[in-house]
Amino acid sequence: MSAASGLDWPALLRVGLSRLGLLPDQFWALTPAELQLMLGPKSGPTPLLSDGLAALMAAYPDETKGAGDG
């Protein structure tokens, strides 16, 4: 993987040519965002970031229990 760009271009080229059926000139004409869109969502779970945690906390707030409830 190239440390400068952060992308594994040889692997992406292999996927673009074999899985997506692109010609080399079609592959190189794509932006990284377009290629990512064509490849579909990343597999596996995505990390829960602070915005997601805040949304869950707002949707499911902790309930305050009474003196003898817990």
N, C-alpha and C. Protein backbone atom coordinates (compact mmCIF):
# COMPACT_ATOMS: atom_id res chain seq x y z
N MET A 1 0.85 -1.17 0.00
CA MET A 1 0.00 0.00 0.00
C MET A 1 0.89 1.22 0.00
N SER A 2 0.51 2.20 -0.76
CA SER A 2 1.29 3.43 -0.83
C SER A 2 1.01 4.30 0.39
N ALA A 3 2.06 4.62 1.12
CA ALA A 3 1.89 5.45 2.31
C ALA A 3 1.49 6.86 1.94
N ALA A 4 1.92 7.34 0.78
CA ALA A 4 1.64 8.71 0.38
C ALA A 4 0.15 8.93 0.11
N SER A 5 -0.48 8.02 -0.60
CA SER A 5 -1.88 8.22 -0.96
C SER A 5 -2.84 7.50 -0.03
N GLY A 6 -2.37 6.48 0.66
CA GLY A 6 -3.24 5.72 1.54
C GLY A 6 -4.12 4.73 0.81
N LEU A 7 -3.95 4.59 -0.48
CA LEU A 7 -4.75 3.67 -1.27
C LEU A 7 -3.86 2.59 -1.88
N ASP A 8 -4.37 1.38 -1.93
CA ASP A 8 -3.65 0.26 -2.53
C ASP A 8 -4.07 0.19 -4.00
N TRP A 9 -3.41 1.03 -4.83
CA TRP A 9 -3.82 1.15 -6.24
C TRP A 9 -3.75 -0.17 -7.00
N PRO A 10 -2.70 -1.01 -6.82
CA PRO A 10 -2.70 -2.29 -7.55
C PRO A 10 -3.91 -3.16 -7.21
N ALA A 11 -4.29 -3.21 -5.94
CA ALA A 11 -5.46 -4.01 -5.56
C ALA A 11 -6.74 -3.39 -6.12
N LEU A 12 -6.85 -2.07 -6.05
CA LEU A 12 -8.03 -1.41 -6.60
C LEU A 12 -8.13 -1.62 -8.10
N LEU A 13 -7.00 -1.57 -8.79
CA LEU A 13 -7.00 -1.82 -10.23
C LEU A 13 -7.46 -3.24 -10.54
N ARG A 14 -6.96 -4.22 -9.77
CA ARG A 14 -7.39 -5.61 -9.97
C ARG A 14 -8.89 -5.75 -9.80
N VAL A 15 -9.44 -5.15 -8.76
CA VAL A 15 -10.88 -5.23 -8.51
C VAL A 15 -11.65 -4.51 -9.62
N GLY A 16 -11.16 -3.35 -10.01
CA GLY A 16 -11.84 -2.60 -11.06
C GLY A 16 -11.90 -3.35 -12.38
N LEU A 17 -10.80 -4.00 -12.73
CA LEU A 17 -10.76 -4.72 -14.00
C LEU A 17 -11.49 -6.05 -13.93
N SER A 18 -11.31 -6.79 -12.82
CA SER A 18 -11.90 -8.13 -12.76
C SER A 18 -13.34 -8.13 -12.27
N ARG A 19 -13.59 -7.49 -11.15
CA ARG A 19 -14.94 -7.54 -10.57
C ARG A 19 -15.91 -6.58 -11.24
N LEU A 20 -15.44 -5.38 -11.56
CA LEU A 20 -16.32 -4.39 -12.17
C LEU A 20 -16.31 -4.44 -13.69
N GLY A 21 -15.34 -5.14 -14.27
CA GLY A 21 -15.28 -5.27 -15.72
C GLY A 21 -14.89 -3.99 -16.43
N LEU A 22 -14.16 -3.12 -15.75
CA LEU A 22 -13.74 -1.86 -16.36
C LEU A 22 -12.53 -2.08 -17.26
N LEU A 23 -12.40 -1.24 -18.26
CA LEU A 23 -11.19 -1.18 -19.06
C LEU A 23 -10.21 -0.26 -18.33
N PRO A 24 -8.91 -0.42 -18.54
CA PRO A 24 -7.96 0.42 -17.82
C PRO A 24 -8.23 1.92 -17.94
N ASP A 25 -8.56 2.40 -19.15
CA ASP A 25 -8.82 3.84 -19.29
C ASP A 25 -10.07 4.27 -18.53
N GLN A 26 -11.06 3.37 -18.42
CA GLN A 26 -12.25 3.68 -17.64
C GLN A 26 -11.91 3.76 -16.15
N PHE A 27 -11.08 2.81 -15.69
CA PHE A 27 -10.67 2.81 -14.29
C PHE A 27 -9.96 4.11 -13.93
N TRP A 28 -8.97 4.49 -14.73
CA TRP A 28 -8.15 5.66 -14.41
C TRP A 28 -8.91 6.96 -14.60
N ALA A 29 -10.04 6.93 -15.30
CA ALA A 29 -10.86 8.14 -15.46
C ALA A 29 -11.75 8.39 -14.24
N LEU A 30 -11.91 7.38 -13.38
CA LEU A 30 -12.75 7.52 -12.19
C LEU A 30 -12.04 8.30 -11.09
N THR A 31 -12.82 9.02 -10.31
CA THR A 31 -12.27 9.60 -9.07
C THR A 31 -12.34 8.51 -8.00
N PRO A 32 -11.55 8.63 -6.94
CA PRO A 32 -11.66 7.64 -5.84
C PRO A 32 -13.08 7.54 -5.29
N ALA A 33 -13.80 8.66 -5.22
CA ALA A 33 -15.18 8.63 -4.71
C ALA A 33 -16.09 7.82 -5.64
N GLU A 34 -15.92 7.98 -6.94
CA GLU A 34 -16.72 7.22 -7.90
C GLU A 34 -16.42 5.73 -7.81
N LEU A 35 -15.14 5.40 -7.67
CA LEU A 35 -14.75 4.00 -7.53
C LEU A 35 -15.34 3.41 -6.26
N GLN A 36 -15.29 4.14 -5.17
CA GLN A 36 -15.86 3.65 -3.91
C GLN A 36 -17.35 3.42 -4.06
N LEU A 37 -18.05 4.31 -4.73
CA LEU A 37 -19.47 4.15 -4.96
C LEU A 37 -19.76 2.90 -5.78
N MET A 38 -18.96 2.64 -6.79
CA MET A 38 -19.16 1.45 -7.62
C MET A 38 -18.88 0.16 -6.85
N LEU A 39 -17.93 0.21 -5.92
CA LEU A 39 -17.59 -0.98 -5.14
C LEU A 39 -18.61 -1.29 -4.08
N GLY A 40 -19.45 -0.34 -3.71
CA GLY A 40 -20.48 -0.57 -2.72
C GLY A 40 -19.98 -0.30 -1.32
N PRO A 41 -20.86 -0.52 -0.35
CA PRO A 41 -20.49 -0.22 1.04
C PRO A 41 -19.39 -1.15 1.53
N LYS A 42 -18.63 -0.62 2.48
CA LYS A 42 -17.58 -1.44 3.11
C LYS A 42 -18.24 -2.59 3.83
N SER A 43 -17.59 -3.73 3.83
CA SER A 43 -18.14 -4.86 4.56
C SER A 43 -17.78 -4.76 6.03
N GLY A 44 -18.61 -5.31 6.84
CA GLY A 44 -18.36 -5.30 8.28
C GLY A 44 -18.99 -4.10 8.95
N PRO A 45 -19.04 -4.15 10.26
CA PRO A 45 -19.67 -3.05 10.99
C PRO A 45 -18.82 -1.79 10.96
N THR A 46 -19.50 -0.67 11.00
CA THR A 46 -18.79 0.60 11.07
C THR A 46 -18.67 1.01 12.53
N PRO A 47 -17.64 1.75 12.88
CA PRO A 47 -17.48 2.14 14.28
C PRO A 47 -18.55 3.13 14.71
N LEU A 48 -18.92 3.06 15.96
CA LEU A 48 -19.89 4.00 16.51
C LEU A 48 -19.14 5.26 16.92
N LEU A 49 -19.37 6.34 16.20
CA LEU A 49 -18.70 7.60 16.48
C LEU A 49 -19.54 8.43 17.44
N SER A 50 -19.01 9.54 17.90
CA SER A 50 -19.67 10.34 18.92
C SER A 50 -21.06 10.81 18.48
N ASP A 51 -21.25 11.14 17.21
CA ASP A 51 -22.58 11.57 16.75
C ASP A 51 -23.58 10.43 16.86
N GLY A 52 -23.14 9.23 16.49
CA GLY A 52 -24.02 8.07 16.59
C GLY A 52 -24.36 7.75 18.03
N LEU A 53 -23.38 7.86 18.92
CA LEU A 53 -23.61 7.61 20.33
C LEU A 53 -24.57 8.65 20.90
N ALA A 54 -24.40 9.90 20.54
CA ALA A 54 -25.29 10.96 21.01
C ALA A 54 -26.72 10.71 20.55
N ALA A 55 -26.90 10.25 19.31
CA ALA A 55 -28.23 9.97 18.79
C ALA A 55 -28.87 8.80 19.56
N LEU A 56 -28.09 7.77 19.84
CA LEU A 56 -28.62 6.64 20.62
C LEU A 56 -28.99 7.07 22.04
N MET A 57 -28.15 7.88 22.66
CA MET A 57 -28.43 8.35 24.02
C MET A 57 -29.69 9.21 24.06
N ALA A 58 -29.91 10.00 23.02
CA ALA A 58 -31.12 10.82 22.96
C ALA A 58 -32.35 9.96 22.73
N ALA A 59 -32.22 8.93 21.91
CA ALA A 59 -33.36 8.06 21.60
C ALA A 59 -33.70 7.13 22.76
N TYR A 60 -32.69 6.72 23.52
CA TYR A 60 -32.89 5.76 24.61
C TYR A 60 -32.20 6.27 25.88
N PRO A 61 -32.79 7.30 26.50
CA PRO A 61 -32.15 7.86 27.69
C PRO A 61 -32.23 6.88 28.86
N ASP A 62 -31.25 6.98 29.76
CA ASP A 62 -31.29 6.18 30.98
C ASP A 62 -32.46 6.65 31.83
N GLU A 63 -33.12 5.68 32.46
CA GLU A 63 -34.22 6.03 33.33
C GLU A 63 -33.67 6.15 34.76
N THR A 64 -34.15 7.16 35.46
CA THR A 64 -33.77 7.34 36.85
C THR A 64 -34.66 6.45 37.70
N LYS A 65 -34.04 5.59 38.49
CA LYS A 65 -34.80 4.68 39.32
C LYS A 65 -35.08 5.32 40.67
N GLY A 66 -36.20 4.95 41.27
CA GLY A 66 -36.55 5.44 42.59
C GLY A 66 -35.66 4.82 43.66
N ALA A 67 -35.83 5.23 44.90
CA ALA A 67 -34.97 4.81 46.01
C ALA A 67 -34.98 3.30 46.22
N GLY A 68 -36.08 2.64 46.04
CA GLY A 68 -36.14 1.21 46.32
C GLY A 68 -36.20 0.35 45.07
N ASP A 69 -35.86 0.90 43.91
CA ASP A 69 -36.02 0.18 42.65
C ASP A 69 -34.79 -0.58 42.18
N GLY A 70 -33.71 -0.53 42.85
CA GLY A 70 -32.63 -1.14 42.17
C GLY A 70 -31.62 -1.80 42.96
